[in-house]
Amino acid sequence: MNDTIYQAWHRTIGHTEYRLRITMAGYGDDEEAAGDFLEGFQGAHPEVGAVISQDGAEDTITATFALAARDEQHALQLGIMFWVESGVASGLSPNDLIRTEIELVDTDRQESTRAWANRPRIPA
């Protein structure tokens, strides 16, 4: 790896930011379920700034959120835990997991990502 000392230090102490997208089967056209899932995230893990999207054609629901971790494996472990805890808090029944995506957030954009995640939200 060609990390700078700064990047290596942040990764070591768990300050590297990752974005996760976890997609579950079902609820693709159920707007109430999307609201419940978002409320579950906001109640259980508001710090991750979750966004919920749906695909009616694929009949899936996706949670996209950001978190800080040491490396991709640590981010995935935390992300799954946050996803499960938020899903339980939402009251939705779990369905098959369709896909999980993880990406390193560009270190030059981390501050703008944190600002986006902490932006004021207007209730619907």
C-alpha atoms as a PDB file:
ATOM      1  CA  MET A   1       0.000   0.000   0.000  1.00  0.00           C
ATOM      2  CA  ASN A   2       1.068   3.537  -0.667  1.00  0.00           C
ATOM      3  CA  ASP A   3      -0.512   5.084   2.410  1.00  0.00           C
ATOM      4  CA  THR A   4       0.718   8.286   3.858  1.00  0.00           C
ATOM      5  CA  ILE A   5       1.631   8.185   7.535  1.00  0.00           C
ATOM      6  CA  TYR A   6      -1.584  10.124   8.216  1.00  0.00           C
ATOM      7  CA  GLN A   7      -3.763   7.548   6.390  1.00  0.00           C
ATOM      8  CA  ALA A   8      -2.041   4.606   8.079  1.00  0.00           C
ATOM      9  CA  TRP A   9      -2.466   6.204  11.513  1.00  0.00           C
ATOM     10  CA  HIS A  10      -6.154   6.907  10.938  1.00  0.00           C
ATOM     11  CA  ARG A  11      -6.769   3.366   9.712  1.00  0.00           C
ATOM     12  CA  THR A  12      -4.942   1.912  12.713  1.00  0.00           C
ATOM     13  CA  ILE A  13      -7.101   3.791  15.221  1.00  0.00           C
ATOM     14  CA  GLY A  14     -10.296   3.190  13.265  1.00  0.00           C
ATOM     15  CA  HIS A  15     -10.792   6.592  11.691  1.00  0.00           C
ATOM     16  CA  THR A  16     -10.906   5.540   8.063  1.00  0.00           C
ATOM     17  CA  GLU A  17     -14.371   6.141   6.646  1.00  0.00           C
ATOM     18  CA  TYR A  18     -16.235   3.534   4.631  1.00  0.00           C
ATOM     19  CA  ARG A  19     -19.578   3.625   2.857  1.00  0.00           C
ATOM     20  CA  LEU A  20     -21.710   0.475   2.931  1.00  0.00           C
ATOM     21  CA  ARG A  21     -24.744  -0.504   0.890  1.00  0.00           C
ATOM     22  CA  ILE A  22     -26.664  -3.532   2.085  1.00  0.00           C
ATOM     23  CA  THR A  23     -29.553  -4.743  -0.059  1.00  0.00           C
ATOM     24  CA  MET A  24     -32.304  -7.063   1.118  1.00  0.00           C
ATOM     25  CA  ALA A  25     -35.034  -8.814  -0.887  1.00  0.00           C
ATOM     26  CA  GLY A  26     -38.577  -7.554  -0.533  1.00  0.00           C
ATOM     27  CA  TYR A  27     -40.129  -4.221   0.407  1.00  0.00           C
ATOM     28  CA  GLY A  28     -39.298  -2.783  -3.042  1.00  0.00           C
ATOM     29  CA  ASP A  29     -42.665  -1.017  -3.377  1.00  0.00           C
ATOM     30  CA  ASP A  30     -43.551  -0.633   0.300  1.00  0.00           C
ATOM     31  CA  GLU A  31     -43.033   3.042   1.218  1.00  0.00           C
ATOM     32  CA  GLU A  32     -44.129   2.409   4.793  1.00  0.00           C
ATOM     33  CA  ALA A  33     -41.415  -0.254   5.162  1.00  0.00           C
ATOM     34  CA  ALA A  34     -38.814   2.221   3.877  1.00  0.00           C
ATOM     35  CA  GLY A  35     -39.948   4.731   6.495  1.00  0.00           C
ATOM     36  CA  ASP A  36     -39.855   2.085   9.211  1.00  0.00           C
ATOM     37  CA  PHE A  37     -36.364   0.981   8.157  1.00  0.00           C
ATOM     38  CA  LEU A  38     -35.119   4.577   8.198  1.00  0.00           C
ATOM     39  CA  GLU A  39     -36.643   5.122  11.640  1.00  0.00           C
ATOM     40  CA  GLY A  40     -34.925   1.936  12.809  1.00  0.00           C
ATOM     41  CA  PHE A  41     -31.559   3.333  11.705  1.00  0.00           C
ATOM     42  CA  GLN A  42     -32.284   6.750  13.180  1.00  0.00           C
ATOM     43  CA  GLY A  43     -33.255   5.161  16.473  1.00  0.00           C
ATOM     44  CA  ALA A  44     -30.496   2.563  16.739  1.00  0.00           C
ATOM     45  CA  HIS A  45     -27.584   4.209  14.881  1.00  0.00           C
ATOM     46  CA  PRO A  46     -28.237   7.833  13.938  1.00  0.00           C
ATOM     47  CA  GLU A  47     -24.481   8.441  13.698  1.00  0.00           C
ATOM     48  CA  VAL A  48     -24.217   6.533  10.395  1.00  0.00           C
ATOM     49  CA  GLY A  49     -26.506   8.892   8.437  1.00  0.00           C
ATOM     50  CA  ALA A  50     -28.438   6.086   6.742  1.00  0.00           C
ATOM     51  CA  VAL A  51     -30.337   6.607   3.524  1.00  0.00           C
ATOM     52  CA  ILE A  52     -32.935   4.043   2.447  1.00  0.00           C
ATOM     53  CA  SER A  53     -33.718   3.360  -1.203  1.00  0.00           C
ATOM     54  CA  GLN A  54     -36.009   0.913  -2.936  1.00  0.00           C
ATOM     55  CA  ASP A  55     -36.113  -0.792  -6.318  1.00  0.00           C
ATOM     56  CA  GLY A  56     -39.622  -1.840  -7.269  1.00  0.00           C
ATOM     57  CA  ALA A  57     -38.533  -3.752 -10.380  1.00  0.00           C
ATOM     58  CA  GLU A  58     -35.983  -5.784  -8.411  1.00  0.00           C
ATOM     59  CA  ASP A  59     -38.209  -5.793  -5.276  1.00  0.00           C
ATOM     60  CA  THR A  60     -35.369  -4.793  -2.959  1.00  0.00           C
ATOM     61  CA  ILE A  61     -34.670  -2.297  -0.213  1.00  0.00           C
ATOM     62  CA  THR A  62     -31.176  -0.886   0.361  1.00  0.00           C
ATOM     63  CA  ALA A  63     -29.604   0.869   3.324  1.00  0.00           C
ATOM     64  CA  THR A  64     -26.610   3.098   2.495  1.00  0.00           C
ATOM     65  CA  PHE A  65     -24.576   4.460   5.388  1.00  0.00           C
ATOM     66  CA  ALA A  66     -21.086   5.513   6.441  1.00  0.00           C
ATOM     67  CA  LEU A  67     -18.933   4.509   9.380  1.00  0.00           C
ATOM     68  CA  ALA A  68     -15.352   4.714  10.623  1.00  0.00           C
ATOM     69  CA  ALA A  69     -13.293   1.532  10.969  1.00  0.00           C
ATOM     70  CA  ARG A  70      -9.757   0.151  10.912  1.00  0.00           C
ATOM     71  CA  ASP A  71     -10.108  -1.683   7.585  1.00  0.00           C
ATOM     72  CA  GLU A  72     -12.708  -3.141   5.222  1.00  0.00           C
ATOM     73  CA  GLN A  73     -13.217  -6.286   7.319  1.00  0.00           C
ATOM     74  CA  HIS A  74     -13.803  -4.236  10.467  1.00  0.00           C
ATOM     75  CA  ALA A  75     -16.153  -1.924   8.533  1.00  0.00           C
ATOM     76  CA  LEU A  76     -18.111  -4.923   7.250  1.00  0.00           C
ATOM     77  CA  GLN A  77     -18.407  -6.419  10.751  1.00  0.00           C
ATOM     78  CA  LEU A  78     -19.618  -3.107  12.194  1.00  0.00           C
ATOM     79  CA  GLY A  79     -21.900  -2.482   9.224  1.00  0.00           C
ATOM     80  CA  ILE A  80     -23.621  -5.843   9.544  1.00  0.00           C
ATOM     81  CA  MET A  81     -24.098  -5.299  13.272  1.00  0.00           C
ATOM     82  CA  PHE A  82     -25.563  -1.814  12.683  1.00  0.00           C
ATOM     83  CA  TRP A  83     -27.786  -3.125   9.869  1.00  0.00           C
ATOM     84  CA  VAL A  84     -29.147  -5.976  12.000  1.00  0.00           C
ATOM     85  CA  GLU A  85     -29.731  -3.775  15.071  1.00  0.00           C
ATOM     86  CA  SER A  86     -31.463  -1.146  12.931  1.00  0.00           C
ATOM     87  CA  GLY A  87     -33.552  -3.785  11.175  1.00  0.00           C
ATOM     88  CA  VAL A  88     -34.693  -5.205  14.514  1.00  0.00           C
ATOM     89  CA  ALA A  89     -35.517  -1.678  15.713  1.00  0.00           C
ATOM     90  CA  SER A  90     -37.575  -1.118  12.545  1.00  0.00           C
ATOM     91  CA  GLY A  91     -39.819  -4.099  13.230  1.00  0.00           C
ATOM     92  CA  LEU A  92     -39.455  -5.378   9.647  1.00  0.00           C
ATOM     93  CA  SER A  93     -39.177  -9.105   9.063  1.00  0.00           C
ATOM     94  CA  PRO A  94     -35.757 -10.037   7.657  1.00  0.00           C
ATOM     95  CA  ASN A  95     -35.547 -11.353   4.102  1.00  0.00           C
ATOM     96  CA  ASP A  96     -32.707 -12.761   2.000  1.00  0.00           C
ATOM     97  CA  LEU A  97     -29.615 -10.607   1.656  1.00  0.00           C
ATOM     98  CA  ILE A  98     -29.101  -9.769  -2.011  1.00  0.00           C
ATOM     99  CA  ARG A  99     -25.800  -7.883  -1.979  1.00  0.00           C
ATOM    100  CA  THR A 100     -23.358  -6.017   0.229  1.00  0.00           C
ATOM    101  CA  GLU A 101     -21.075  -3.318  -1.120  1.00  0.00           C
ATOM    102  CA  ILE A 102     -18.315  -1.504   0.715  1.00  0.00           C
ATOM    103  CA  GLU A 103     -16.103   1.331  -0.450  1.00  0.00           C
ATOM    104  CA  LEU A 104     -13.414   3.472   1.051  1.00  0.00           C
ATOM    105  CA  VAL A 105     -14.513   7.094   1.188  1.00  0.00           C
ATOM    106  CA  ASP A 106     -11.932   9.324  -0.482  1.00  0.00           C
ATOM    107  CA  THR A 107      -9.884  10.846   2.342  1.00  0.00           C
ATOM    108  CA  ASP A 108      -9.997  14.230   0.613  1.00  0.00           C
ATOM    109  CA  ARG A 109     -13.794  14.080   0.749  1.00  0.00           C
ATOM    110  CA  GLN A 110     -14.221  12.727   4.289  1.00  0.00           C
ATOM    111  CA  GLU A 111     -15.056  16.110   5.789  1.00  0.00           C
ATOM    112  CA  SER A 112     -17.714  16.798   3.175  1.00  0.00           C
ATOM    113  CA  THR A 113     -19.146  13.307   3.747  1.00  0.00           C
ATOM    114  CA  ARG A 114     -19.356  13.891   7.501  1.00  0.00           C
ATOM    115  CA  ALA A 115     -21.041  17.234   6.875  1.00  0.00           C
ATOM    116  CA  TRP A 116     -23.521  15.511   4.545  1.00  0.00           C
ATOM    117  CA  ALA A 117     -24.235  12.747   7.076  1.00  0.00           C
ATOM    118  CA  ASN A 118     -24.807  15.320   9.837  1.00  0.00           C
ATOM    119  CA  ARG A 119     -26.915  17.656   7.708  1.00  0.00           C
ATOM    120  CA  PRO A 120     -30.194  18.901   9.141  1.00  0.00           C
ATOM    121  CA  ARG A 121     -33.095  16.772   7.991  1.00  0.00           C
ATOM    122  CA  ILE A 122     -36.533  18.081   7.228  1.00  0.00           C
ATOM    123  CA  PRO A 123     -39.265  15.710   8.371  1.00  0.00           C
ATOM    124  CA  ALA A 124     -41.567  14.492   5.599  1.00  0.00           C
END
